[in-house]
N, C-alpha and C. Protein backbone atom coordinates (compact mmCIF):
# COMPACT_ATOMS: atom_id res chain seq x y z
N UNK A 1 -40.85 128.10 153.85
CA UNK A 1 -39.33 129.10 154.55
C UNK A 1 -39.90 130.45 154.05
N UNK A 2 -40.02 131.46 155.33
CA UNK A 2 -41.15 132.86 154.54
C UNK A 2 -39.73 133.19 154.30
N UNK A 3 -40.22 134.91 153.80
CA UNK A 3 -38.72 135.55 153.22
C UNK A 3 -38.17 136.33 154.58
N UNK A 4 -38.81 136.40 155.31
CA UNK A 4 -38.23 136.58 156.80
C UNK A 4 -36.93 135.93 157.31
N UNK A 5 -37.24 134.47 156.85
CA UNK A 5 -36.82 133.74 157.37
C UNK A 5 -35.14 133.75 156.55
N UNK A 6 -35.63 133.58 155.18
CA UNK A 6 -35.30 133.49 154.40
C UNK A 6 -33.83 134.99 154.07
N UNK A 7 -34.60 135.50 154.44
CA UNK A 7 -32.97 136.99 154.36
C UNK A 7 -32.33 136.85 155.92
N UNK A 8 -33.15 136.60 156.95
CA UNK A 8 -32.67 136.13 158.35
C UNK A 8 -31.33 134.95 158.01
N UNK A 9 -31.47 133.94 157.12
CA UNK A 9 -31.19 132.77 156.89
C UNK A 9 -29.73 133.77 155.92
N UNK A 10 -29.89 134.21 155.06
CA UNK A 10 -28.54 135.22 154.14
C UNK A 10 -28.01 135.94 155.02
N UNK A 11 -28.43 136.38 155.69
CA UNK A 11 -27.62 137.42 156.96
C UNK A 11 -26.72 136.64 157.61
N UNK A 12 -26.86 135.88 158.17
CA UNK A 12 -26.37 134.71 158.95
C UNK A 12 -25.32 134.30 158.08
N UNK A 13 -25.90 133.93 156.63
CA UNK A 13 -24.46 133.47 156.04
C UNK A 13 -23.33 134.08 155.56
N UNK A 14 -24.16 135.58 155.18
CA UNK A 14 -22.90 136.81 154.90
C UNK A 14 -22.08 136.72 155.80
N UNK A 15 -22.72 136.62 157.27
CA UNK A 15 -21.63 137.54 158.37
C UNK A 15 -20.70 135.99 158.59
N UNK A 16 -20.92 135.08 158.01
CA UNK A 16 -19.97 134.02 158.78
C UNK A 16 -18.78 133.89 157.53
N UNK A 17 -19.76 133.82 156.28
CA UNK A 17 -18.46 134.37 155.12
C UNK A 17 -17.71 135.47 155.43
N UNK A 18 -18.12 136.95 155.89
CA UNK A 18 -17.35 138.10 156.40
C UNK A 18 -16.40 138.07 157.06
N UNK A 19 -16.58 137.16 158.12
CA UNK A 19 -16.08 136.79 158.94
C UNK A 19 -14.70 135.96 159.07
N UNK A 20 -14.56 135.24 157.82
CA UNK A 20 -13.27 134.72 157.60
C UNK A 20 -12.80 135.61 156.34
N UNK A 21 -13.11 136.76 156.49
CA UNK A 21 -11.97 137.40 155.36
C UNK A 21 -11.09 137.91 156.17
N UNK A 22 -10.00 139.07 155.61
CA UNK A 22 -9.29 139.72 156.37
C UNK A 22 -9.96 141.39 156.22
N UNK A 23 -9.82 141.91 157.17
CA UNK A 23 -10.22 143.03 157.41
C UNK A 23 -10.12 143.99 156.38
N UNK A 24 -8.47 143.91 156.26
CA UNK A 24 -7.98 144.82 155.15
C UNK A 24 -8.45 144.85 154.00
N UNK A 25 -9.43 143.43 153.62
CA UNK A 25 -9.54 143.14 152.08
C UNK A 25 -10.99 143.96 151.91
N UNK A 26 -11.79 144.05 153.13
CA UNK A 26 -13.37 144.33 153.05
C UNK A 26 -13.10 145.71 153.44
N UNK A 27 -12.38 146.60 154.64
CA UNK A 27 -12.55 147.78 153.87
C UNK A 27 -11.71 148.41 152.45
N UNK A 28 -10.78 147.81 151.76
CA UNK A 28 -10.48 148.14 150.13
C UNK A 28 -11.82 147.79 149.52
N UNK A 29 -12.07 146.77 149.65
CA UNK A 29 -13.81 146.59 148.62
C UNK A 29 -14.47 147.86 149.12
N UNK A 30 -14.81 147.89 150.34
CA UNK A 30 -15.65 149.29 150.39
C UNK A 30 -15.35 150.61 150.06
N UNK A 31 -14.00 150.78 149.78
CA UNK A 31 -13.62 151.76 149.40
C UNK A 31 -13.86 151.95 147.61
N UNK A 32 -13.62 150.58 146.93
CA UNK A 32 -13.28 150.57 145.57
C UNK A 32 -15.03 150.69 145.00
N UNK A 33 -16.12 150.07 146.21
CA UNK A 33 -17.32 149.99 145.34
C UNK A 33 -17.51 151.52 145.61
N UNK A 34 -17.54 151.94 146.54
CA UNK A 34 -18.30 153.64 146.89
C UNK A 34 -17.41 154.50 145.54
N UNK A 35 -16.39 154.16 145.50
CA UNK A 35 -15.66 154.95 144.03
C UNK A 35 -16.20 154.58 142.84
N UNK A 36 -16.52 153.29 142.56
CA UNK A 36 -17.17 152.97 141.65
C UNK A 36 -18.36 153.30 141.17
N UNK A 37 -19.25 153.66 142.61
CA UNK A 37 -20.33 154.32 142.29
C UNK A 37 -20.88 155.56 142.02
N UNK A 38 -19.72 156.25 142.76
CA UNK A 38 -19.32 157.68 142.12
C UNK A 38 -19.17 157.93 140.52
N UNK A 39 -18.26 157.06 140.08
CA UNK A 39 -17.98 157.38 139.02
C UNK A 39 -19.17 156.85 137.93
N UNK A 40 -19.73 155.76 138.21
CA UNK A 40 -20.69 154.88 137.23
C UNK A 40 -21.24 155.61 136.22
N UNK A 41 -21.25 156.93 136.53
CA UNK A 41 -22.30 157.53 135.38
C UNK A 41 -21.98 158.27 134.46
N UNK A 42 -20.75 158.70 134.48
CA UNK A 42 -19.76 158.81 133.43
C UNK A 42 -18.42 158.30 133.00
N UNK A 43 -18.43 156.96 133.51
CA UNK A 43 -17.39 155.70 133.21
C UNK A 43 -18.18 154.66 133.99
N UNK A 44 -19.00 154.32 132.58
CA UNK A 44 -19.31 152.60 133.25
C UNK A 44 -18.74 151.68 133.68
N UNK A 45 -16.94 151.59 133.15
CA UNK A 45 -16.27 150.59 133.36
C UNK A 45 -15.59 151.11 134.52
N UNK A 46 -16.03 152.11 135.29
CA UNK A 46 -15.93 151.62 136.82
C UNK A 46 -16.38 151.01 137.35
N UNK A 47 -17.40 150.21 137.26
CA UNK A 47 -17.95 149.32 137.68
C UNK A 47 -17.34 147.65 137.48
N UNK A 48 -16.48 147.85 136.89
CA UNK A 48 -15.53 146.57 136.55
C UNK A 48 -15.17 146.34 137.73
N UNK A 49 -14.65 146.86 139.11
CA UNK A 49 -14.64 146.32 140.35
C UNK A 49 -15.37 145.18 141.00
N UNK A 50 -16.52 145.27 139.85
CA UNK A 50 -17.32 144.16 140.53
C UNK A 50 -17.05 142.60 140.38
N UNK A 51 -16.34 142.79 139.00
CA UNK A 51 -15.82 141.22 138.43
C UNK A 51 -14.70 140.57 139.83
N UNK A 52 -15.04 139.13 139.64
CA UNK A 52 -14.20 138.41 140.98
C UNK A 52 -13.05 138.41 140.81
N UNK A 53 -12.22 138.61 142.00
CA UNK A 53 -11.05 138.36 141.82
C UNK A 53 -10.45 137.72 142.91
N UNK A 54 -9.24 137.70 142.87
CA UNK A 54 -8.79 136.26 144.20
C UNK A 54 -8.32 137.15 145.13
N UNK A 55 -9.14 136.52 146.93
CA UNK A 55 -8.91 137.05 147.67
C UNK A 55 -7.65 136.57 148.94
N UNK A 56 -7.23 137.88 149.31
CA UNK A 56 -6.19 136.87 150.25
C UNK A 56 -6.36 135.56 150.87
N UNK A 57 -7.24 135.71 151.71
CA UNK A 57 -7.63 134.66 152.63
C UNK A 57 -9.27 134.14 152.09
N UNK A 58 -9.39 132.65 151.82
CA UNK A 58 -10.73 132.21 151.49
C UNK A 58 -11.40 131.01 152.36
N UNK A 59 -12.35 131.73 152.30
CA UNK A 59 -12.87 130.53 154.10
C UNK A 59 -13.32 128.78 153.45
N UNK A 60 -13.07 128.13 154.10
CA UNK A 60 -12.79 127.08 153.96
C UNK A 60 -14.68 126.17 154.62
N UNK A 61 -15.18 125.91 153.32
CA UNK A 61 -15.97 125.16 154.00
C UNK A 61 -15.89 123.48 154.35
N UNK A 62 -16.54 123.29 155.69
CA UNK A 62 -16.51 121.84 156.52
C UNK A 62 -17.37 122.08 157.41
N UNK A 63 -17.58 120.44 157.48
CA UNK A 63 -18.75 120.47 158.67
C UNK A 63 -18.98 121.18 159.68
N UNK A 64 -18.15 121.81 160.09
CA UNK A 64 -17.92 122.50 160.93
C UNK A 64 -18.11 124.22 160.68
N UNK A 65 -18.05 124.47 159.91
CA UNK A 65 -18.11 125.79 159.64
C UNK A 65 -19.22 126.06 158.90
N UNK A 66 -20.31 125.22 158.88
CA UNK A 66 -21.69 125.47 158.09
C UNK A 66 -22.69 125.38 159.41
N UNK A 67 -23.77 125.66 158.63
CA UNK A 67 -25.23 125.45 159.74
C UNK A 67 -26.01 124.59 158.88
N UNK A 68 -25.23 123.15 159.29
CA UNK A 68 -26.45 122.12 158.41
C UNK A 68 -27.55 122.00 158.34
N UNK A 69 -28.50 122.46 160.13
CA UNK A 69 -29.18 122.38 160.15
C UNK A 69 -30.74 123.59 159.94
N UNK A 70 -29.94 124.53 159.31
CA UNK A 70 -30.38 125.37 158.85
C UNK A 70 -30.14 126.03 157.33
N UNK A 71 -29.86 125.18 156.59
CA UNK A 71 -28.78 125.41 155.03
C UNK A 71 -29.07 124.81 154.24
N UNK A 72 -30.13 124.36 152.95
CA UNK A 72 -30.30 123.50 152.48
C UNK A 72 -29.15 123.05 151.21
N UNK A 73 -28.74 124.85 150.90
CA UNK A 73 -27.70 125.04 150.18
C UNK A 73 -26.68 123.78 150.42
N UNK A 74 -26.34 123.95 152.26
CA UNK A 74 -25.08 123.84 152.40
C UNK A 74 -25.18 122.40 152.83
N UNK A 75 -26.75 121.62 152.67
CA UNK A 75 -26.63 120.41 153.08
C UNK A 75 -26.11 119.53 151.96
N UNK A 76 -26.76 120.40 150.45
CA UNK A 76 -26.34 119.77 149.41
C UNK A 76 -25.18 119.52 149.15
N UNK A 77 -24.19 120.75 149.22
CA UNK A 77 -22.75 120.60 149.31
C UNK A 77 -22.44 119.40 149.90
N UNK A 78 -22.84 119.39 151.25
CA UNK A 78 -21.94 118.75 151.92
C UNK A 78 -22.27 117.30 151.54
N UNK A 79 -23.37 117.20 150.72
CA UNK A 79 -24.09 115.56 150.69
C UNK A 79 -22.90 115.42 149.19
N UNK A 80 -22.65 116.43 148.26
CA UNK A 80 -21.79 115.71 147.33
C UNK A 80 -20.47 115.73 147.56
N UNK A 81 -20.00 116.20 149.01
CA UNK A 81 -18.39 116.32 149.26
C UNK A 81 -18.86 114.46 150.09
N UNK A 82 -19.77 114.05 150.93
CA UNK A 82 -19.66 112.97 151.27
C UNK A 82 -19.70 111.78 149.89
N UNK A 83 -20.18 112.23 148.94
CA UNK A 83 -20.27 111.00 147.44
C UNK A 83 -19.30 111.39 147.35
N UNK A 84 -18.21 112.28 147.05
CA UNK A 84 -16.88 112.07 146.46
C UNK A 84 -15.83 111.40 146.96
N UNK A 85 -16.01 111.24 148.28
CA UNK A 85 -15.25 110.18 149.36
C UNK A 85 -15.34 109.54 149.32
N UNK A 86 -16.89 108.65 148.76
CA UNK A 86 -16.68 107.41 148.75
C UNK A 86 -16.56 106.78 147.34
N UNK A 87 -16.22 107.97 146.53
CA UNK A 87 -15.88 107.11 145.19
C UNK A 87 -14.73 106.75 145.05
């Protein structure tokens, strides 16, 4: 896989993941990041906003929501799901 293909795959993954999120969560994230970037030199703790936190809606990974033909990581995860179901 070339760098361009990898970047395109990452962009597609990001778009699919983002499309499952609530627009209000995305807008708040943009505001929070913009403010943190403005303050980071004077207040490095402002960047703590980058830490993980619970979102209102978590996208579900299923065989229908991933592009199995173009995503090796997704194939690996789905294989793990298959193994778990067989146990």
